[in-house]
N, C-alpha and C. Protein backbone atom coordinates (compact mmCIF):
# COMPACT_ATOMS: atom_id res chain seq x y z
N UNK A 1 0.86 -1.18 0.00
CA UNK A 1 0.00 0.00 0.00
C UNK A 1 0.90 1.24 0.00
N UNK A 2 0.64 2.19 -0.89
CA UNK A 2 1.43 3.42 -0.92
C UNK A 2 1.29 4.19 0.39
N UNK A 3 2.36 4.90 0.76
CA UNK A 3 2.38 5.64 2.02
C UNK A 3 2.63 7.13 1.75
N UNK A 4 1.77 7.96 2.33
CA UNK A 4 1.92 9.41 2.28
C UNK A 4 2.40 9.87 3.65
N UNK A 5 3.53 10.55 3.69
CA UNK A 5 4.10 11.07 4.92
C UNK A 5 3.76 12.55 5.04
N UNK A 6 3.07 12.91 6.11
CA UNK A 6 2.74 14.30 6.39
C UNK A 6 3.63 14.75 7.55
N UNK A 7 4.54 15.66 7.26
CA UNK A 7 5.49 16.18 8.24
C UNK A 7 5.17 17.64 8.46
N UNK A 8 5.01 18.03 9.72
CA UNK A 8 4.57 19.40 9.98
C UNK A 8 5.10 19.92 11.31
N UNK A 9 5.07 21.23 11.40
CA UNK A 9 5.29 21.92 12.68
C UNK A 9 4.07 22.81 12.87
N UNK A 10 3.20 22.41 13.77
CA UNK A 10 1.92 23.11 13.95
C UNK A 10 1.73 23.47 15.43
N UNK A 11 2.49 24.44 15.94
CA UNK A 11 2.46 24.74 17.37
C UNK A 11 1.30 25.62 17.83
N UNK A 12 0.50 26.13 16.91
CA UNK A 12 -0.60 27.01 17.30
C UNK A 12 -1.93 26.41 16.87
N UNK A 13 -3.03 26.84 17.46
CA UNK A 13 -4.34 26.34 17.02
C UNK A 13 -4.61 26.61 15.53
N UNK A 14 -4.16 27.75 15.03
CA UNK A 14 -4.36 28.07 13.62
C UNK A 14 -3.64 27.06 12.72
N UNK A 15 -2.38 26.80 13.04
CA UNK A 15 -1.62 25.84 12.23
C UNK A 15 -2.15 24.42 12.40
N UNK A 16 -2.60 24.08 13.60
CA UNK A 16 -3.16 22.76 13.82
C UNK A 16 -4.43 22.58 13.00
N UNK A 17 -5.22 23.65 12.90
CA UNK A 17 -6.45 23.60 12.09
C UNK A 17 -6.12 23.29 10.63
N UNK A 18 -5.08 23.94 10.10
CA UNK A 18 -4.66 23.67 8.72
C UNK A 18 -4.15 22.24 8.58
N UNK A 19 -3.34 21.81 9.55
CA UNK A 19 -2.82 20.43 9.51
C UNK A 19 -3.93 19.40 9.57
N UNK A 20 -4.92 19.63 10.43
CA UNK A 20 -6.05 18.70 10.52
C UNK A 20 -6.83 18.64 9.20
N UNK A 21 -6.96 19.79 8.54
CA UNK A 21 -7.66 19.82 7.25
C UNK A 21 -6.87 19.04 6.19
N UNK A 22 -5.56 19.20 6.16
CA UNK A 22 -4.73 18.44 5.22
C UNK A 22 -4.90 16.94 5.47
N UNK A 23 -4.85 16.54 6.73
CA UNK A 23 -5.00 15.13 7.07
C UNK A 23 -6.38 14.60 6.71
N UNK A 24 -7.42 15.41 6.92
CA UNK A 24 -8.77 14.99 6.55
C UNK A 24 -8.86 14.72 5.05
N UNK A 25 -8.24 15.58 4.26
CA UNK A 25 -8.25 15.37 2.81
C UNK A 25 -7.46 14.14 2.41
N UNK A 26 -6.31 13.95 3.04
CA UNK A 26 -5.47 12.79 2.71
C UNK A 26 -6.14 11.49 3.12
N UNK A 27 -6.96 11.55 4.16
CA UNK A 27 -7.64 10.34 4.66
C UNK A 27 -9.07 10.20 4.14
N UNK A 28 -9.38 10.91 3.09
CA UNK A 28 -10.71 10.81 2.49
C UNK A 28 -11.01 9.35 2.16
N UNK A 29 -12.19 8.87 2.55
CA UNK A 29 -12.53 7.46 2.28
C UNK A 29 -12.48 7.07 0.80
N UNK A 30 -12.62 8.04 -0.08
CA UNK A 30 -12.53 7.74 -1.52
C UNK A 30 -11.11 7.40 -1.94
N UNK A 31 -10.14 7.74 -1.10
CA UNK A 31 -8.73 7.41 -1.36
C UNK A 31 -8.38 6.31 -0.36
N UNK A 32 -8.84 5.13 -0.65
CA UNK A 32 -8.79 4.05 0.33
C UNK A 32 -7.45 3.32 0.37
N UNK A 33 -6.67 3.42 -0.67
CA UNK A 33 -5.47 2.60 -0.77
C UNK A 33 -4.18 3.34 -0.47
N UNK A 34 -4.25 4.34 0.42
CA UNK A 34 -3.05 5.08 0.82
C UNK A 34 -2.98 5.09 2.34
N UNK A 35 -1.83 4.69 2.86
CA UNK A 35 -1.59 4.81 4.30
C UNK A 35 -1.06 6.21 4.56
N UNK A 36 -1.69 6.95 5.44
CA UNK A 36 -1.27 8.30 5.79
C UNK A 36 -0.56 8.25 7.13
N UNK A 37 0.69 8.68 7.13
CA UNK A 37 1.49 8.72 8.34
C UNK A 37 1.76 10.18 8.67
N UNK A 38 1.36 10.58 9.86
CA UNK A 38 1.54 11.96 10.32
C UNK A 38 2.64 12.00 11.37
N UNK A 39 3.62 12.88 11.18
CA UNK A 39 4.68 13.04 12.16
C UNK A 39 5.01 14.51 12.35
N UNK A 40 5.26 14.86 13.60
CA UNK A 40 5.78 16.20 13.88
C UNK A 40 7.17 16.29 13.28
N UNK A 41 7.55 17.46 12.84
CA UNK A 41 8.83 17.64 12.16
C UNK A 41 10.02 17.17 13.01
N UNK A 42 9.94 17.35 14.31
CA UNK A 42 11.04 16.93 15.18
C UNK A 42 11.07 15.42 15.42
N UNK A 43 10.03 14.71 15.01
CA UNK A 43 9.95 13.27 15.20
C UNK A 43 10.23 12.47 13.93
N UNK A 44 10.20 13.09 12.79
CA UNK A 44 10.38 12.39 11.51
C UNK A 44 11.86 12.22 11.20
N UNK A 45 12.19 11.07 10.64
CA UNK A 45 13.59 10.80 10.33
C UNK A 45 13.79 10.13 8.99
N UNK A 46 14.99 9.70 8.76
CA UNK A 46 15.40 9.12 7.48
C UNK A 46 14.52 7.95 7.08
N UNK A 47 14.31 6.99 7.98
CA UNK A 47 13.52 5.81 7.64
C UNK A 47 12.09 6.17 7.28
N UNK A 48 11.53 7.18 7.94
CA UNK A 48 10.16 7.63 7.62
C UNK A 48 10.10 8.14 6.19
N UNK A 49 11.10 8.91 5.79
CA UNK A 49 11.12 9.48 4.44
C UNK A 49 11.36 8.39 3.41
N UNK A 50 12.32 7.52 3.68
CA UNK A 50 12.60 6.43 2.72
C UNK A 50 11.41 5.50 2.55
N UNK A 51 10.60 5.36 3.59
CA UNK A 51 9.44 4.47 3.53
C UNK A 51 8.19 5.10 2.94
N UNK A 52 8.28 6.36 2.54
CA UNK A 52 7.11 7.06 2.00
C UNK A 52 7.17 7.16 0.49
N UNK A 53 5.99 7.19 -0.11
CA UNK A 53 5.88 7.34 -1.56
C UNK A 53 5.55 8.76 -1.98
N UNK A 54 5.24 9.61 -1.01
CA UNK A 54 4.93 11.01 -1.27
C UNK A 54 4.90 11.76 0.05
N UNK A 55 4.87 13.10 -0.05
CA UNK A 55 5.03 13.92 1.14
C UNK A 55 4.14 15.15 1.09
N UNK A 56 3.64 15.53 2.25
CA UNK A 56 3.03 16.84 2.44
C UNK A 56 3.71 17.45 3.65
N UNK A 57 4.17 18.68 3.50
CA UNK A 57 4.92 19.36 4.54
C UNK A 57 4.16 20.61 4.98
N UNK A 58 4.23 20.93 6.27
CA UNK A 58 3.54 22.11 6.75
C UNK A 58 4.40 22.88 7.73
N UNK A 59 4.36 24.21 7.62
CA UNK A 59 5.20 25.04 8.47
C UNK A 59 4.64 26.45 8.62
N UNK A 60 4.92 27.07 9.75
CA UNK A 60 4.69 28.51 9.83
C UNK A 60 5.86 29.22 9.16
N UNK A 61 5.65 30.45 8.79
CA UNK A 61 6.75 31.31 8.33
C UNK A 61 7.20 32.09 9.56
N UNK A 62 8.34 31.72 10.09
CA UNK A 62 8.88 32.35 11.30
C UNK A 62 10.08 33.22 10.96
N UNK A 63 9.98 34.48 11.27
CA UNK A 63 11.10 35.40 11.04
C UNK A 63 11.60 35.30 9.60
N UNK A 64 10.66 35.15 8.67
CA UNK A 64 10.99 35.12 7.25
C UNK A 64 11.52 33.80 6.74
N UNK A 65 11.34 32.71 7.49
CA UNK A 65 11.88 31.42 7.07
C UNK A 65 10.95 30.30 7.52
N UNK A 66 11.23 29.07 7.09
CA UNK A 66 10.48 27.92 7.59
C UNK A 66 10.79 27.76 9.07
N UNK A 67 9.95 27.02 9.78
CA UNK A 67 10.18 26.81 11.21
C UNK A 67 11.51 26.10 11.43
N UNK A 68 12.08 26.34 12.60
CA UNK A 68 13.31 25.64 12.97
C UNK A 68 13.12 24.14 13.01
N UNK A 69 11.92 23.70 13.41
CA UNK A 69 11.64 22.27 13.47
C UNK A 69 11.67 21.64 12.07
N UNK A 70 11.05 22.29 11.09
CA UNK A 70 11.07 21.74 9.74
C UNK A 70 12.48 21.83 9.14
N UNK A 71 13.19 22.89 9.44
CA UNK A 71 14.58 23.02 8.99
C UNK A 71 15.41 21.88 9.57
N UNK A 72 15.21 21.56 10.86
CA UNK A 72 15.91 20.44 11.49
C UNK A 72 15.58 19.12 10.78
N UNK A 73 14.31 18.93 10.45
CA UNK A 73 13.92 17.73 9.70
C UNK A 73 14.72 17.62 8.41
N UNK A 74 14.74 18.69 7.63
CA UNK A 74 15.48 18.66 6.37
C UNK A 74 16.97 18.44 6.61
N UNK A 75 17.55 19.12 7.60
CA UNK A 75 18.97 18.94 7.91
C UNK A 75 19.29 17.49 8.25
N UNK A 76 18.36 16.83 8.93
CA UNK A 76 18.56 15.46 9.39
C UNK A 76 18.48 14.45 8.25
N UNK A 77 17.57 14.66 7.31
CA UNK A 77 17.31 13.63 6.30
C UNK A 77 17.94 13.91 4.94
N UNK A 78 18.22 15.12 4.62
CA UNK A 78 18.54 15.55 3.25
C UNK A 78 19.56 14.64 2.55
N UNK A 79 20.75 14.53 3.06
CA UNK A 79 21.81 13.77 2.38
C UNK A 79 21.51 12.28 2.31
N UNK A 80 20.70 11.78 3.24
CA UNK A 80 20.42 10.35 3.33
C UNK A 80 19.29 9.90 2.42
N UNK A 81 18.46 10.82 1.95
CA UNK A 81 17.28 10.42 1.17
C UNK A 81 17.25 10.99 -0.24
N UNK A 82 18.15 11.90 -0.53
CA UNK A 82 18.07 12.65 -1.79
C UNK A 82 18.00 11.75 -3.02
N UNK A 83 18.88 10.84 -3.16
CA UNK A 83 18.89 10.01 -4.36
C UNK A 83 17.71 9.05 -4.42
N UNK A 84 17.40 8.42 -3.30
CA UNK A 84 16.35 7.40 -3.29
C UNK A 84 14.94 7.96 -3.41
N UNK A 85 14.73 9.21 -3.03
CA UNK A 85 13.37 9.76 -3.06
C UNK A 85 13.15 10.75 -4.20
N UNK A 86 14.14 10.93 -5.04
CA UNK A 86 13.98 11.87 -6.17
C UNK A 86 12.76 11.47 -7.00
N UNK A 87 12.03 12.46 -7.44
CA UNK A 87 10.83 12.33 -8.29
C UNK A 87 9.58 11.93 -7.51
N UNK A 88 9.66 11.76 -6.23
CA UNK A 88 8.45 11.44 -5.47
C UNK A 88 7.59 12.70 -5.34
N UNK A 89 6.28 12.53 -5.36
CA UNK A 89 5.38 13.68 -5.33
C UNK A 89 5.29 14.31 -3.93
N UNK A 90 5.07 15.62 -3.92
CA UNK A 90 4.96 16.34 -2.65
C UNK A 90 4.20 17.63 -2.87
N UNK A 91 3.83 18.23 -1.77
CA UNK A 91 3.37 19.61 -1.74
C UNK A 91 3.50 20.10 -0.31
N UNK A 92 3.07 21.34 -0.07
CA UNK A 92 3.25 21.91 1.26
C UNK A 92 2.28 23.05 1.51
N UNK A 93 2.18 23.39 2.81
CA UNK A 93 1.44 24.57 3.20
C UNK A 93 2.31 25.41 4.12
N UNK A 94 2.16 26.73 3.97
CA UNK A 94 2.88 27.71 4.79
C UNK A 94 1.88 28.75 5.26
N UNK A 95 1.93 29.06 6.54
CA UNK A 95 1.10 30.14 7.07
C UNK A 95 2.02 31.14 7.78
N UNK A 96 1.86 32.40 7.42
CA UNK A 96 2.63 33.46 8.06
C UNK A 96 1.74 34.55 8.58
N UNK A 97 2.26 35.30 9.52
CA UNK A 97 1.51 36.43 10.03
C UNK A 97 1.47 37.57 9.04
N UNK A 98 2.61 37.82 8.38
CA UNK A 98 2.70 38.97 7.48
C UNK A 98 3.36 38.66 6.15
N UNK A 99 4.36 37.79 6.16
CA UNK A 99 5.14 37.56 4.94
C UNK A 99 5.62 36.12 4.91
N UNK A 100 5.54 35.50 3.76
CA UNK A 100 5.97 34.11 3.61
C UNK A 100 7.08 33.95 2.58
N UNK A 101 7.59 35.05 2.05
CA UNK A 101 8.52 35.00 0.94
C UNK A 101 9.74 34.13 1.21
N UNK A 102 10.40 34.34 2.34
CA UNK A 102 11.60 33.57 2.66
C UNK A 102 11.30 32.10 2.87
N UNK A 103 10.18 31.81 3.52
CA UNK A 103 9.79 30.41 3.74
C UNK A 103 9.49 29.72 2.41
N UNK A 104 8.81 30.43 1.52
CA UNK A 104 8.52 29.86 0.20
C UNK A 104 9.81 29.57 -0.55
N UNK A 105 10.73 30.52 -0.52
CA UNK A 105 12.01 30.35 -1.20
C UNK A 105 12.76 29.14 -0.63
N UNK A 106 12.74 29.00 0.68
CA UNK A 106 13.42 27.87 1.32
C UNK A 106 12.80 26.54 0.89
N UNK A 107 11.47 26.45 0.93
CA UNK A 107 10.81 25.21 0.53
C UNK A 107 11.13 24.85 -0.92
N UNK A 108 11.09 25.84 -1.79
CA UNK A 108 11.40 25.58 -3.20
C UNK A 108 12.84 25.12 -3.37
N UNK A 109 13.75 25.77 -2.69
CA UNK A 109 15.17 25.44 -2.81
C UNK A 109 15.47 24.04 -2.28
N UNK A 110 14.97 23.75 -1.10
CA UNK A 110 15.25 22.45 -0.47
C UNK A 110 14.62 21.31 -1.27
N UNK A 111 13.37 21.45 -1.64
CA UNK A 111 12.69 20.35 -2.35
C UNK A 111 13.20 20.19 -3.78
N UNK A 112 13.65 21.28 -4.38
CA UNK A 112 14.31 21.17 -5.69
C UNK A 112 15.60 20.39 -5.56
N UNK A 113 16.36 20.67 -4.51
CA UNK A 113 17.60 19.94 -4.26
C UNK A 113 17.36 18.45 -4.02
N UNK A 114 16.24 18.16 -3.36
CA UNK A 114 15.88 16.76 -3.14
C UNK A 114 15.39 16.08 -4.41
N UNK A 115 14.99 16.87 -5.38
CA UNK A 115 14.48 16.32 -6.64
C UNK A 115 13.04 15.89 -6.55
N UNK A 116 12.32 16.34 -5.52
CA UNK A 116 10.92 15.97 -5.38
C UNK A 116 10.07 16.67 -6.43
N UNK A 117 8.97 16.05 -6.81
CA UNK A 117 8.09 16.53 -7.88
C UNK A 117 6.82 17.14 -7.27
N UNK A 118 6.59 18.41 -7.55
CA UNK A 118 5.42 19.10 -7.01
C UNK A 118 4.15 18.49 -7.60
N UNK A 119 3.29 17.95 -6.72
CA UNK A 119 2.08 17.25 -7.16
C UNK A 119 0.84 18.10 -7.07
N UNK A 120 0.90 19.19 -6.31
CA UNK A 120 -0.24 20.10 -6.15
C UNK A 120 0.30 21.47 -5.80
N UNK A 121 -0.39 22.50 -6.25
CA UNK A 121 0.05 23.85 -5.92
C UNK A 121 0.12 24.00 -4.41
N UNK A 122 1.20 24.58 -3.90
CA UNK A 122 1.31 24.79 -2.46
C UNK A 122 0.22 25.76 -1.98
N UNK A 123 -0.13 25.63 -0.72
CA UNK A 123 -1.07 26.52 -0.07
C UNK A 123 -0.26 27.47 0.80
N UNK A 124 -0.26 28.73 0.43
CA UNK A 124 0.53 29.74 1.12
C UNK A 124 -0.39 30.89 1.49
N UNK A 125 -0.38 31.28 2.77
CA UNK A 125 -1.30 32.32 3.21
C UNK A 125 -0.73 33.09 4.38
N UNK A 126 -1.28 34.28 4.59
CA UNK A 126 -0.96 35.10 5.75
C UNK A 126 -2.25 35.52 6.43
N UNK A 127 -2.13 35.90 7.69
CA UNK A 127 -3.27 36.45 8.41
C UNK A 127 -4.23 35.39 8.91
N UNK A 128 -5.47 35.83 9.06
CA UNK A 128 -6.53 34.95 9.58
C UNK A 128 -6.76 33.76 8.65
N UNK A 129 -7.06 32.62 9.24
CA UNK A 129 -7.38 31.42 8.47
C UNK A 129 -8.89 31.22 8.53
N UNK A 130 -9.50 31.17 7.36
CA UNK A 130 -10.95 30.99 7.28
C UNK A 130 -11.31 29.68 6.63
N UNK A 131 -12.59 29.50 6.41
CA UNK A 131 -13.08 28.26 5.81
C UNK A 131 -12.49 28.02 4.42
N UNK A 132 -12.28 29.08 3.66
CA UNK A 132 -11.69 28.94 2.33
C UNK A 132 -10.30 28.31 2.42
N UNK A 133 -9.53 28.71 3.43
CA UNK A 133 -8.19 28.17 3.61
C UNK A 133 -8.23 26.70 4.04
N UNK A 134 -9.13 26.38 4.97
CA UNK A 134 -9.19 24.98 5.41
C UNK A 134 -9.73 24.08 4.30
N UNK A 135 -10.63 24.59 3.48
CA UNK A 135 -11.10 23.82 2.33
C UNK A 135 -9.95 23.57 1.35
N UNK A 136 -9.13 24.59 1.14
CA UNK A 136 -7.98 24.43 0.24
C UNK A 136 -6.97 23.46 0.84
N UNK A 137 -6.81 23.46 2.16
CA UNK A 137 -5.90 22.53 2.81
C UNK A 137 -6.41 21.09 2.68
N UNK A 138 -7.71 20.91 2.80
CA UNK A 138 -8.30 19.58 2.62
C UNK A 138 -8.06 19.10 1.20
N UNK A 139 -8.25 19.98 0.24
CA UNK A 139 -8.02 19.62 -1.16
C UNK A 139 -6.55 19.28 -1.40
N UNK A 140 -5.65 20.03 -0.78
CA UNK A 140 -4.22 19.77 -0.92
C UNK A 140 -3.89 18.36 -0.44
N UNK A 141 -4.34 18.00 0.76
CA UNK A 141 -4.08 16.66 1.27
C UNK A 141 -4.66 15.58 0.40
N UNK A 142 -5.89 15.78 -0.06
CA UNK A 142 -6.54 14.81 -0.93
C UNK A 142 -5.85 14.65 -2.27
N UNK A 143 -5.40 15.75 -2.83
CA UNK A 143 -4.76 15.72 -4.14
C UNK A 143 -3.45 14.94 -4.08
N UNK A 144 -2.62 15.23 -3.08
CA UNK A 144 -1.34 14.52 -2.99
C UNK A 144 -1.57 13.04 -2.68
N UNK A 145 -2.54 12.73 -1.82
CA UNK A 145 -2.84 11.32 -1.54
C UNK A 145 -3.30 10.61 -2.80
N UNK A 146 -4.12 11.28 -3.61
CA UNK A 146 -4.61 10.66 -4.85
C UNK A 146 -3.45 10.42 -5.83
N UNK A 147 -2.50 11.33 -5.87
CA UNK A 147 -1.36 11.15 -6.77
C UNK A 147 -0.51 9.97 -6.29
N UNK A 148 -0.34 9.85 -4.98
CA UNK A 148 0.43 8.73 -4.43
C UNK A 148 -0.28 7.41 -4.69
N UNK A 149 -1.60 7.43 -4.62
CA UNK A 149 -2.41 6.23 -4.85
C UNK A 149 -2.32 5.74 -6.29
N UNK A 150 -2.20 6.69 -7.22
CA UNK A 150 -2.28 6.36 -8.66
C UNK A 150 -1.17 5.46 -9.13
């Protein structure tokens, strides 16, 4: 059974709401043949990445960059998974208070270096999170899970 790894740093209720929406989409009953594994960024490691067929990543934009937790995840796994996971599908969500530019740049740079293939447009937003954002997060999770299933 294909495995989708959802790695995130969601320390606030707002970020948790987005993460829960992504997971709800990934676990949609219509996508029955995908195992969804959720791990906090500080808990995910090399074996988790190597064992996954696709990825969804989530982070706040902190001080113009991805969270330290997600950066630590990438620092820990990058050299060990780059060749074996190249071309695997992924996407991500970023939420910032005011600006996400640096976090977006970091995600693009790191995932390009990994050779991962963007499977769905990333969800990037600032400010208040409303129903439109959680609906988009649900769609993001569902889309990547469906690509992994295919």
